Amino acid sequence: MNDIDQIIETLRGKQFRITPQRELIIRALADVDEDDHLTAEEIHKRVQVHTSAVNIATVYRTLDMLVEEGLVSRIDLGGDKEVFATVHHGMHMHLVCRQCGHVLDADAQILRDVGQYLFSEYEFVADLEHISLFGICANCQQ
């Protein structure tokens, strides 16, 4: 089952209506390479190719609902810029380039030790399922 079907099935199971507008937004968001992350405006542009009946407010409302339901992650790039991506379950991190804003998904298994340390030393349970690290990507380092 692909991301699109999984999101739609999950929403139906939670009694959400799958309107044509919501389905177009979900398809636009999920129909990208695994490492791609889109802004709401980019999602809106992709939807506009199919219909002009979906406005940007509908895109934001749908994204808010998908984030709240845990189906989409919202990644804050700073400076009022955020991107969205379907959630790939399991521990992973986002590597965010401070110069160009590109976001890469990376395996976050190395964070397990950090989580265990934080708990043993501070009795702090860190949410490490989805974490963003900021730095400079390989392209911008050249």
Protein backbone atom coordinates (compact mmCIF):
# COMPACT_ATOMS: atom_id res chain seq x y z
CA MET A 1 0.00 0.00 0.00
CA ASN A 2 1.46 3.40 -0.96
CA ASP A 3 1.48 6.58 1.15
CA ILE A 4 -1.63 7.96 -0.58
CA ASP A 5 -3.75 4.87 0.04
CA GLN A 6 -2.46 4.56 3.60
CA ILE A 7 -3.32 8.18 4.45
CA ILE A 8 -6.78 7.94 2.88
CA GLU A 9 -7.53 4.62 4.60
CA THR A 10 -6.40 6.01 7.97
CA LEU A 11 -8.55 9.12 7.58
CA ARG A 12 -11.60 7.07 6.59
CA GLY A 13 -11.02 4.85 9.62
CA LYS A 14 -11.14 7.98 11.78
CA GLN A 15 -14.41 9.06 10.12
CA PHE A 16 -12.92 11.93 8.08
CA ARG A 17 -14.58 12.68 4.75
CA ILE A 18 -12.27 12.31 1.78
CA THR A 19 -13.37 15.21 -0.39
CA PRO A 20 -11.96 15.59 -3.90
CA GLN A 21 -9.98 18.60 -2.63
CA ARG A 22 -8.44 16.63 0.25
CA GLU A 23 -7.55 13.77 -2.06
CA LEU A 24 -5.80 16.12 -4.50
CA ILE A 25 -3.82 17.69 -1.66
CA ILE A 26 -2.84 14.27 -0.29
CA ARG A 27 -1.81 13.11 -3.77
CA ALA A 28 0.26 16.25 -4.37
CA LEU A 29 2.02 15.79 -1.05
CA ALA A 30 2.62 12.05 -1.32
CA ASP A 31 3.54 11.95 -5.01
CA VAL A 32 7.11 13.16 -4.52
CA ASP A 33 10.46 11.48 -4.00
CA GLU A 34 10.94 10.15 -0.48
CA ASP A 35 13.45 12.89 0.38
CA ASP A 36 11.36 15.76 -1.03
CA HIS A 37 9.52 18.18 1.21
CA LEU A 38 7.04 20.75 -0.11
CA THR A 39 5.79 24.11 1.11
CA ALA A 40 2.04 24.71 1.27
CA GLU A 41 2.42 27.00 -1.73
CA GLU A 42 4.15 24.26 -3.74
CA ILE A 43 1.39 21.83 -2.84
CA HIS A 44 -1.18 24.43 -3.90
CA LYS A 45 0.56 24.87 -7.28
CA ARG A 46 0.50 21.10 -7.86
CA VAL A 47 -3.21 20.97 -7.04
CA GLN A 48 -3.94 23.95 -9.31
CA VAL A 49 -2.75 21.88 -12.28
CA HIS A 50 -5.85 19.72 -11.76
CA THR A 51 -8.40 22.28 -10.57
CA SER A 52 -8.64 25.91 -9.56
CA ALA A 53 -11.37 24.99 -7.05
CA VAL A 54 -8.85 24.51 -4.22
CA ASN A 55 -7.61 27.68 -2.57
CA ILE A 56 -4.54 28.09 -0.39
CA ALA A 57 -6.65 28.24 2.80
CA THR A 58 -8.01 24.75 2.02
CA VAL A 59 -4.45 23.50 1.58
CA TYR A 60 -3.41 24.93 4.97
CA ARG A 61 -6.50 23.52 6.73
CA THR A 62 -5.93 20.09 5.22
CA LEU A 63 -2.23 20.15 6.12
CA ASP A 64 -3.08 21.15 9.71
CA MET A 65 -5.50 18.22 9.95
CA LEU A 66 -2.95 15.77 8.47
CA VAL A 67 -0.26 16.97 10.89
CA GLU A 68 -2.66 16.73 13.84
CA GLU A 69 -3.52 13.16 12.84
CA GLY A 70 0.17 12.24 12.66
CA LEU A 71 0.12 11.47 8.93
CA VAL A 72 2.26 14.39 7.79
CA SER A 73 5.22 16.08 9.42
CA ARG A 74 5.66 19.85 9.51
CA ILE A 75 9.29 20.92 9.43
CA ASP A 76 10.07 24.47 10.56
CA LEU A 77 12.90 25.89 8.48
CA GLY A 78 12.96 29.15 10.42
CA GLY A 79 12.05 32.55 9.09
CA ASP A 80 8.35 31.66 8.79
CA LYS A 81 9.13 28.94 6.25
CA GLU A 82 7.89 25.42 6.78
CA VAL A 83 7.73 22.34 4.61
CA PHE A 84 5.61 19.21 4.81
CA ALA A 85 6.20 15.54 4.09
CA THR A 86 4.33 12.32 4.61
CA VAL A 87 5.38 10.56 7.78
CA HIS A 88 7.59 7.54 7.30
CA HIS A 89 6.97 5.71 10.50
CA GLY A 90 9.94 4.96 12.62
CA MET A 91 12.71 7.07 13.98
CA HIS A 92 14.20 9.48 11.46
CA MET A 93 15.58 12.98 11.41
CA HIS A 94 15.44 15.89 9.04
CA LEU A 95 18.72 17.50 8.04
CA VAL A 96 17.89 21.12 7.18
CA CYS A 97 20.37 23.27 5.24
CA ARG A 98 20.53 26.78 6.72
CA GLN A 99 21.68 28.25 3.41
CA CYS A 100 19.41 26.77 0.74
CA GLY A 101 16.64 25.28 2.90
CA HIS A 102 16.94 21.80 1.39
CA VAL A 103 15.70 19.04 3.71
CA LEU A 104 17.05 15.49 3.74
CA ASP A 105 15.66 12.55 5.66
CA ALA A 106 18.26 10.61 7.63
CA ASP A 107 18.22 7.50 9.77
CA ALA A 108 17.98 8.51 13.41
CA GLN A 109 18.96 5.23 15.03
CA ILE A 110 22.07 6.92 16.43
CA LEU A 111 19.75 9.02 18.59
CA ARG A 112 18.68 6.00 20.64
CA ASP A 113 21.77 6.33 22.79
CA VAL A 114 21.03 10.03 23.26
CA GLY A 115 17.49 9.21 24.36
CA GLN A 116 18.70 6.58 26.80
CA TYR A 117 21.30 8.98 28.21
CA LEU A 118 18.75 11.77 28.69
CA PHE A 119 16.45 9.40 30.52
CA SER A 120 19.12 7.85 32.75
CA GLU A 121 20.76 11.17 33.66
CA TYR A 122 17.74 13.50 33.79
CA GLU A 123 14.68 11.23 33.81
CA PHE A 124 13.69 13.10 30.65
CA VAL A 125 11.83 11.27 27.91
CA ALA A 126 12.82 12.94 24.65
CA ASP A 127 10.59 12.74 21.57
CA LEU A 128 13.17 11.58 19.06
CA GLU A 129 10.79 10.04 16.51
CA HIS A 130 11.00 13.15 14.33
CA ILE A 131 13.81 15.60 14.90
CA SER A 132 15.35 18.35 12.77
CA LEU A 133 19.05 19.16 12.75
CA PHE A 134 20.27 22.36 11.11
CA GLY A 135 23.56 22.70 9.27
CA ILE A 136 25.02 23.17 5.77
CA CYS A 137 24.36 20.64 2.98
CA ALA A 138 27.07 19.21 0.72
CA ASN A 139 26.09 21.44 -2.23
CA CYS A 140 26.33 24.65 -0.19
CA GLN A 141 29.70 23.63 1.27
CA GLN A 142 31.28 23.67 -2.19
